[in-house]
Amino acid sequence: MSHRAAILAYLTQAGLSTPHANDHINLLLQEHAHELAEQQRDWADSLGTTPTQQAITSVIREAADLIDPATTQEPPR
């Protein structure tokens, strides 16, 4: 059983309808993805300015944008 299925089973046993439980799980996953992406962006911002560090920053930001595209931000210029 997947983690999502286990959580869904728990929430439905607690009285939530399946659609409501799925909505709740999706909201929690979106919040977690947003927080993770923000942490990655903050970390990328803390790196230096050497060419290697800039390349690393670019990769980190691209990964954060894949995790949480709703909050994709343009890098400072």
PDB file of N, CA and C in Angstrom:
ATOM      1  N   MET A   1       0.848  -1.171   0.000  1.00  0.00           N
ATOM      2  CA  MET A   1       0.000   0.000   0.000  1.00  0.00           C
ATOM      3  C   MET A   1       0.901   1.244   0.000  1.00  0.00           C
ATOM      4  N   SER A   2       0.584   2.175  -0.875  1.00  0.00           N
ATOM      5  CA  SER A   2       1.374   3.409  -0.942  1.00  0.00           C
ATOM      6  C   SER A   2       1.076   4.289   0.271  1.00  0.00           C
ATOM      7  N   HIS A   3       1.950   5.254   0.496  1.00  0.00           N
ATOM      8  CA  HIS A   3       1.743   6.186   1.609  1.00  0.00           C
ATOM      9  C   HIS A   3       0.449   6.966   1.411  1.00  0.00           C
ATOM     10  N   ARG A   4       0.202   7.393   0.176  1.00  0.00           N
ATOM     11  CA  ARG A   4      -1.024   8.146  -0.103  1.00  0.00           C
ATOM     12  C   ARG A   4      -2.258   7.291   0.181  1.00  0.00           C
ATOM     13  N   ALA A   5      -2.225   6.044  -0.242  1.00  0.00           N
ATOM     14  CA  ALA A   5      -3.367   5.157  -0.002  1.00  0.00           C
ATOM     15  C   ALA A   5      -3.588   4.944   1.493  1.00  0.00           C
ATOM     16  N   ALA A   6      -2.511   4.828   2.238  1.00  0.00           N
ATOM     17  CA  ALA A   6      -2.635   4.645   3.684  1.00  0.00           C
ATOM     18  C   ALA A   6      -3.240   5.890   4.344  1.00  0.00           C
ATOM     19  N   ILE A   7      -2.796   7.056   3.921  1.00  0.00           N
ATOM     20  CA  ILE A   7      -3.349   8.297   4.478  1.00  0.00           C
ATOM     21  C   ILE A   7      -4.814   8.444   4.066  1.00  0.00           C
ATOM     22  N   LEU A   8      -5.110   8.129   2.824  1.00  0.00           N
ATOM     23  CA  LEU A   8      -6.493   8.190   2.347  1.00  0.00           C
ATOM     24  C   LEU A   8      -7.382   7.257   3.166  1.00  0.00           C
ATOM     25  N   ALA A   9      -6.926   6.053   3.411  1.00  0.00           N
ATOM     26  CA  ALA A   9      -7.696   5.098   4.220  1.00  0.00           C
ATOM     27  C   ALA A   9      -7.913   5.640   5.624  1.00  0.00           C
ATOM     28  N   TYR A  10      -6.882   6.211   6.206  1.00  0.00           N
ATOM     29  CA  TYR A  10      -7.004   6.778   7.552  1.00  0.00           C
ATOM     30  C   TYR A  10      -8.026   7.909   7.577  1.00  0.00           C
ATOM     31  N   LEU A  11      -7.953   8.814   6.611  1.00  0.00           N
ATOM     32  CA  LEU A  11      -8.868   9.954   6.586  1.00  0.00           C
ATOM     33  C   LEU A  11     -10.311   9.527   6.334  1.00  0.00           C
ATOM     34  N   THR A  12     -10.501   8.537   5.472  1.00  0.00           N
ATOM     35  CA  THR A  12     -11.872   8.076   5.231  1.00  0.00           C
ATOM     36  C   THR A  12     -12.420   7.325   6.442  1.00  0.00           C
ATOM     37  N   GLN A  13     -11.560   6.595   7.148  1.00  0.00           N
ATOM     38  CA  GLN A  13     -12.004   5.933   8.376  1.00  0.00           C
ATOM     39  C   GLN A  13     -12.331   6.958   9.462  1.00  0.00           C
ATOM     40  N   ALA A  14     -11.690   8.113   9.394  1.00  0.00           N
ATOM     41  CA  ALA A  14     -11.954   9.175  10.365  1.00  0.00           C
ATOM     42  C   ALA A  14     -13.221   9.955  10.017  1.00  0.00           C
ATOM     43  N   GLY A  15     -13.827   9.640   8.862  1.00  0.00           N
ATOM     44  CA  GLY A  15     -15.103  10.240   8.535  1.00  0.00           C
ATOM     45  C   GLY A  15     -15.128  11.163   7.335  1.00  0.00           C
ATOM     46  N   LEU A  16     -14.003  11.411   6.714  1.00  0.00           N
ATOM     47  CA  LEU A  16     -14.004  12.267   5.532  1.00  0.00           C
ATOM     48  C   LEU A  16     -14.459  11.471   4.313  1.00  0.00           C
ATOM     49  N   SER A  17     -15.158  12.129   3.412  1.00  0.00           N
ATOM     50  CA  SER A  17     -15.499  11.474   2.153  1.00  0.00           C
ATOM     51  C   SER A  17     -14.215  11.303   1.350  1.00  0.00           C
ATOM     52  N   THR A  18     -14.208  10.364   0.422  1.00  0.00           N
ATOM     53  CA  THR A  18     -13.011  10.136  -0.384  1.00  0.00           C
ATOM     54  C   THR A  18     -12.601  11.387  -1.158  1.00  0.00           C
ATOM     55  N   PRO A  19     -13.542  12.094  -1.824  1.00  0.00           N
ATOM     56  CA  PRO A  19     -13.118  13.320  -2.525  1.00  0.00           C
ATOM     57  C   PRO A  19     -12.543  14.378  -1.580  1.00  0.00           C
ATOM     58  N   HIS A  20     -13.158  14.537  -0.420  1.00  0.00           N
ATOM     59  CA  HIS A  20     -12.660  15.525   0.538  1.00  0.00           C
ATOM     60  C   HIS A  20     -11.287  15.111   1.072  1.00  0.00           C
ATOM     61  N   ALA A  21     -11.107  13.834   1.341  1.00  0.00           N
ATOM     62  CA  ALA A  21      -9.823  13.335   1.826  1.00  0.00           C
ATOM     63  C   ALA A  21      -8.736  13.539   0.770  1.00  0.00           C
ATOM     64  N   ASN A  22      -9.065  13.263  -0.498  1.00  0.00           N
ATOM     65  CA  ASN A  22      -8.094  13.489  -1.577  1.00  0.00           C
ATOM     66  C   ASN A  22      -7.738  14.971  -1.697  1.00  0.00           C
ATOM     67  N   ASP A  23      -8.749  15.832  -1.580  1.00  0.00           N
ATOM     68  CA  ASP A  23      -8.476  17.276  -1.612  1.00  0.00           C
ATOM     69  C   ASP A  23      -7.547  17.683  -0.475  1.00  0.00           C
ATOM     70  N   HIS A  24      -7.774  17.124   0.699  1.00  0.00           N
ATOM     71  CA  HIS A  24      -6.937  17.430   1.865  1.00  0.00           C
ATOM     72  C   HIS A  24      -5.491  16.966   1.631  1.00  0.00           C
ATOM     73  N   ILE A  25      -5.332  15.767   1.109  1.00  0.00           N
ATOM     74  CA  ILE A  25      -3.993  15.246   0.815  1.00  0.00           C
ATOM     75  C   ILE A  25      -3.300  16.132  -0.220  1.00  0.00           C
ATOM     76  N   ASN A  26      -4.017  16.504  -1.273  1.00  0.00           N
ATOM     77  CA  ASN A  26      -3.433  17.356  -2.311  1.00  0.00           C
ATOM     78  C   ASN A  26      -2.992  18.697  -1.757  1.00  0.00           C
ATOM     79  N   LEU A  27      -3.802  19.285  -0.876  1.00  0.00           N
ATOM     80  CA  LEU A  27      -3.447  20.561  -0.266  1.00  0.00           C
ATOM     81  C   LEU A  27      -2.173  20.428   0.577  1.00  0.00           C
ATOM     82  N   LEU A  28      -2.091  19.368   1.350  1.00  0.00           N
ATOM     83  CA  LEU A  28      -0.894  19.145   2.173  1.00  0.00           C
ATOM     84  C   LEU A  28       0.352  18.965   1.303  1.00  0.00           C
ATOM     85  N   LEU A  29       0.206  18.225   0.209  1.00  0.00           N
ATOM     86  CA  LEU A  29       1.343  18.018  -0.695  1.00  0.00           C
ATOM     87  C   LEU A  29       1.769  19.325  -1.360  1.00  0.00           C
ATOM     88  N   GLN A  30       0.805  20.155  -1.746  1.00  0.00           N
ATOM     89  CA  GLN A  30       1.121  21.450  -2.347  1.00  0.00           C
ATOM     90  C   GLN A  30       1.839  22.355  -1.352  1.00  0.00           C
ATOM     91  N   GLU A  31       1.368  22.362  -0.109  1.00  0.00           N
ATOM     92  CA  GLU A  31       2.022  23.175   0.917  1.00  0.00           C
ATOM     93  C   GLU A  31       3.451  22.701   1.159  1.00  0.00           C
ATOM     94  N   HIS A  32       3.633  21.391   1.206  1.00  0.00           N
ATOM     95  CA  HIS A  32       4.976  20.835   1.415  1.00  0.00           C
ATOM     96  C   HIS A  32       5.886  21.166   0.232  1.00  0.00           C
ATOM     97  N   ALA A  33       5.370  21.035  -0.978  1.00  0.00           N
ATOM     98  CA  ALA A  33       6.162  21.347  -2.172  1.00  0.00           C
ATOM     99  C   ALA A  33       6.559  22.818  -2.178  1.00  0.00           C
ATOM    100  N   HIS A  34       5.635  23.683  -1.812  1.00  0.00           N
ATOM    101  CA  HIS A  34       5.928  25.116  -1.772  1.00  0.00           C
ATOM    102  C   HIS A  34       7.037  25.408  -0.752  1.00  0.00           C
ATOM    103  N   GLU A  35       6.920  24.837   0.431  1.00  0.00           N
ATOM    104  CA  GLU A  35       7.929  25.059   1.476  1.00  0.00           C
ATOM    105  C   GLU A  35       9.297  24.527   1.043  1.00  0.00           C
ATOM    106  N   LEU A  36       9.318  23.349   0.452  1.00  0.00           N
ATOM    107  CA  LEU A  36      10.578  22.765  -0.029  1.00  0.00           C
ATOM    108  C   LEU A  36      11.211  23.644  -1.092  1.00  0.00           C
ATOM    109  N   ALA A  37      10.402  24.110  -2.042  1.00  0.00           N
ATOM    110  CA  ALA A  37      10.930  24.966  -3.107  1.00  0.00           C
ATOM    111  C   ALA A  37      11.464  26.285  -2.535  1.00  0.00           C
ATOM    112  N   GLU A  38      10.754  26.860  -1.579  1.00  0.00           N
ATOM    113  CA  GLU A  38      11.228  28.102  -0.967  1.00  0.00           C
ATOM    114  C   GLU A  38      12.554  27.881  -0.238  1.00  0.00           C
ATOM    115  N   GLN A  39      12.696  26.760   0.450  1.00  0.00           N
ATOM    116  CA  GLN A  39      13.959  26.448   1.125  1.00  0.00           C
ATOM    117  C   GLN A  39      15.085  26.332   0.106  1.00  0.00           C
ATOM    118  N   GLN A  40      14.813  25.676  -1.013  1.00  0.00           N
ATOM    119  CA  GLN A  40      15.836  25.520  -2.044  1.00  0.00           C
ATOM    120  C   GLN A  40      16.212  26.872  -2.658  1.00  0.00           C
ATOM    121  N   ARG A  41      15.221  27.717  -2.896  1.00  0.00           N
ATOM    122  CA  ARG A  41      15.508  29.050  -3.451  1.00  0.00           C
ATOM    123  C   ARG A  41      16.334  29.880  -2.470  1.00  0.00           C
ATOM    124  N   ASP A  42      15.978  29.803  -1.178  1.00  0.00           N
ATOM    125  CA  ASP A  42      16.745  30.539  -0.173  1.00  0.00           C
ATOM    126  C   ASP A  42      18.187  30.046  -0.127  1.00  0.00           C
ATOM    127  N   TRP A  43      18.360  28.735  -0.207  1.00  0.00           N
ATOM    128  CA  TRP A  43      19.706  28.175  -0.191  1.00  0.00           C
ATOM    129  C   TRP A  43      20.468  28.634  -1.421  1.00  0.00           C
ATOM    130  N   ALA A  44      19.810  28.617  -2.581  1.00  0.00           N
ATOM    131  CA  ALA A  44      20.471  29.043  -3.816  1.00  0.00           C
ATOM    132  C   ALA A  44      20.901  30.504  -3.709  1.00  0.00           C
ATOM    133  N   ASP A  45      20.066  31.329  -3.070  1.00  0.00           N
ATOM    134  CA  ASP A  45      20.403  32.744  -2.909  1.00  0.00           C
ATOM    135  C   ASP A  45      21.614  32.954  -2.006  1.00  0.00           C
ATOM    136  N   SER A  46      21.902  31.980  -1.152  1.00  0.00           N
ATOM    137  CA  SER A  46      23.010  32.135  -0.210  1.00  0.00           C
ATOM    138  C   SER A  46      24.357  31.733  -0.806  1.00  0.00           C
ATOM    139  N   LEU A  47      24.342  31.143  -1.995  1.00  0.00           N
ATOM    140  CA  LEU A  47      25.598  30.725  -2.619  1.00  0.00           C
ATOM    141  C   LEU A  47      26.347  31.930  -3.162  1.00  0.00           C
ATOM    142  N   GLY A  48      27.583  31.753  -3.426  1.00  0.00           N
ATOM    143  CA  GLY A  48      28.449  32.833  -3.897  1.00  0.00           C
ATOM    144  C   GLY A  48      28.234  33.184  -5.355  1.00  0.00           C
ATOM    145  N   THR A  49      29.190  33.922  -5.895  1.00  0.00           N
ATOM    146  CA  THR A  49      29.044  34.447  -7.247  1.00  0.00           C
ATOM    147  C   THR A  49      30.095  33.943  -8.228  1.00  0.00           C
ATOM    148  N   THR A  50      30.853  32.926  -7.835  1.00  0.00           N
ATOM    149  CA  THR A  50      31.808  32.369  -8.789  1.00  0.00           C
ATOM    150  C   THR A  50      31.027  31.660  -9.898  1.00  0.00           C
ATOM    151  N   PRO A  51      31.635  31.455 -11.051  1.00  0.00           N
ATOM    152  CA  PRO A  51      30.912  30.762 -12.129  1.00  0.00           C
ATOM    153  C   PRO A  51      30.366  29.393 -11.701  1.00  0.00           C
ATOM    154  N   THR A  52      31.125  28.656 -10.918  1.00  0.00           N
ATOM    155  CA  THR A  52      30.658  27.346 -10.465  1.00  0.00           C
ATOM    156  C   THR A  52      29.456  27.501  -9.542  1.00  0.00           C
ATOM    157  N   GLN A  53      29.530  28.458  -8.619  1.00  0.00           N
ATOM    158  CA  GLN A  53      28.414  28.678  -7.701  1.00  0.00           C
ATOM    159  C   GLN A  53      27.181  29.186  -8.448  1.00  0.00           C
ATOM    160  N   GLN A  54      27.372  29.982  -9.465  1.00  0.00           N
ATOM    161  CA  GLN A  54      26.239  30.457 -10.257  1.00  0.00           C
ATOM    162  C   GLN A  54      25.596  29.306 -11.023  1.00  0.00           C
ATOM    163  N   ALA A  55      26.404  28.392 -11.513  1.00  0.00           N
ATOM    164  CA  ALA A  55      25.868  27.216 -12.212  1.00  0.00           C
ATOM    165  C   ALA A  55      25.050  26.354 -11.252  1.00  0.00           C
ATOM    166  N   ILE A  56      25.576  26.171 -10.048  1.00  0.00           N
ATOM    167  CA  ILE A  56      24.861  25.395  -9.034  1.00  0.00           C
ATOM    168  C   ILE A  56      23.549  26.089  -8.684  1.00  0.00           C
ATOM    169  N   THR A  57      23.597  27.402  -8.513  1.00  0.00           N
ATOM    170  CA  THR A  57      22.399  28.174  -8.200  1.00  0.00           C
ATOM    171  C   THR A  57      21.345  27.987  -9.289  1.00  0.00           C
ATOM    172  N   SER A  58      21.764  27.992 -10.525  1.00  0.00           N
ATOM    173  CA  SER A  58      20.839  27.821 -11.643  1.00  0.00           C
ATOM    174  C   SER A  58      20.153  26.457 -11.583  1.00  0.00           C
ATOM    175  N   VAL A  59      20.910  25.418 -11.306  1.00  0.00           N
ATOM    176  CA  VAL A  59      20.350  24.066 -11.225  1.00  0.00           C
ATOM    177  C   VAL A  59      19.368  23.972 -10.055  1.00  0.00           C
ATOM    178  N   ILE A  60      19.736  24.553  -8.921  1.00  0.00           N
ATOM    179  CA  ILE A  60      18.866  24.518  -7.743  1.00  0.00           C
ATOM    180  C   ILE A  60      17.553  25.246  -8.039  1.00  0.00           C
ATOM    181  N   ARG A  61      17.652  26.402  -8.669  1.00  0.00           N
ATOM    182  CA  ARG A  61      16.438  27.165  -8.999  1.00  0.00           C
ATOM    183  C   ARG A  61      15.559  26.402  -9.997  1.00  0.00           C
ATOM    184  N   GLU A  62      16.177  25.756 -10.970  1.00  0.00           N
ATOM    185  CA  GLU A  62      15.391  24.963 -11.929  1.00  0.00           C
ATOM    186  C   GLU A  62      14.668  23.822 -11.223  1.00  0.00           C
ATOM    187  N   ALA A  63      15.338  23.180 -10.283  1.00  0.00           N
ATOM    188  CA  ALA A  63      14.700  22.106  -9.519  1.00  0.00           C
ATOM    189  C   ALA A  63      13.550  22.664  -8.675  1.00  0.00           C
ATOM    190  N   ALA A  64      13.762  23.800  -8.037  1.00  0.00           N
ATOM    191  CA  ALA A  64      12.702  24.424  -7.239  1.00  0.00           C
ATOM    192  C   ALA A  64      11.509  24.782  -8.113  1.00  0.00           C
ATOM    193  N   ASP A  65      11.763  25.257  -9.327  1.00  0.00           N
ATOM    194  CA  ASP A  65      10.675  25.605 -10.238  1.00  0.00           C
ATOM    195  C   ASP A  65       9.898  24.365 -10.690  1.00  0.00           C
ATOM    196  N   LEU A  66      10.568  23.226 -10.794  1.00  0.00           N
ATOM    197  CA  LEU A  66       9.869  21.979 -11.124  1.00  0.00           C
ATOM    198  C   LEU A  66       9.009  21.515  -9.950  1.00  0.00           C
ATOM    199  N   ILE A  67       9.525  21.696  -8.733  1.00  0.00           N
ATOM    200  CA  ILE A  67       8.807  21.278  -7.532  1.00  0.00           C
ATOM    201  C   ILE A  67       7.571  22.146  -7.318  1.00  0.00           C
ATOM    202  N   ASP A  68       7.731  23.447  -7.509  1.00  0.00           N
ATOM    203  CA  ASP A  68       6.656  24.388  -7.192  1.00  0.00           C
ATOM    204  C   ASP A  68       6.571  25.472  -8.262  1.00  0.00           C
ATOM    205  N   PRO A  69       6.031  25.134  -9.431  1.00  0.00           N
ATOM    206  CA  PRO A  69       5.994  26.107 -10.527  1.00  0.00           C
ATOM    207  C   PRO A  69       5.076  27.293 -10.259  1.00  0.00           C
ATOM    208  N   ALA A  70       4.138  27.163  -9.345  1.00  0.00           N
ATOM    209  CA  ALA A  70       3.207  28.257  -9.075  1.00  0.00           C
ATOM    210  C   ALA A  70       3.910  29.472  -8.482  1.00  0.00           C
ATOM    211  N   THR A  71       5.063  29.257  -7.869  1.00  0.00           N
ATOM    212  CA  THR A  71       5.784  30.374  -7.256  1.00  0.00           C
ATOM    213  C   THR A  71       7.103  30.631  -7.963  1.00  0.00           C
ATOM    214  N   THR A  72       7.190  30.219  -9.212  1.00  0.00           N
ATOM    215  CA  THR A  72       8.407  30.449  -9.981  1.00  0.00           C
ATOM    216  C   THR A  72       8.725  31.932 -10.008  1.00  0.00           C
ATOM    217  N   GLN A  73       9.945  32.244  -9.662  1.00  0.00           N
ATOM    218  CA  GLN A  73      10.375  33.636  -9.619  1.00  0.00           C
ATOM    219  C   GLN A  73      11.543  33.808 -10.570  1.00  0.00           C
ATOM    220  N   GLU A  74      11.594  34.952 -11.205  1.00  0.00           N
ATOM    221  CA  GLU A  74      12.738  35.253 -12.046  1.00  0.00           C
ATOM    222  C   GLU A  74      13.944  35.533 -11.151  1.00  0.00           C
ATOM    223  N   PRO A  75      15.120  35.021 -11.507  1.00  0.00           N
ATOM    224  CA  PRO A  75      16.306  35.324 -10.703  1.00  0.00           C
ATOM    225  C   PRO A  75      16.638  36.805 -10.798  1.00  0.00           C
ATOM    226  N   PRO A  76      17.195  37.345  -9.728  1.00  0.00           N
ATOM    227  CA  PRO A  76      17.581  38.762  -9.773  1.00  0.00           C
ATOM    228  C   PRO A  76      18.609  39.016 -10.866  1.00  0.00           C
ATOM    229  N   ARG A  77      18.525  40.158 -11.498  1.00  0.00           N
ATOM    230  CA  ARG A  77      19.451  40.488 -12.584  1.00  0.00           C
ATOM    231  C   ARG A  77      20.420  41.543 -12.146  1.00  0.00           C
TER     232      ARG A  77
END
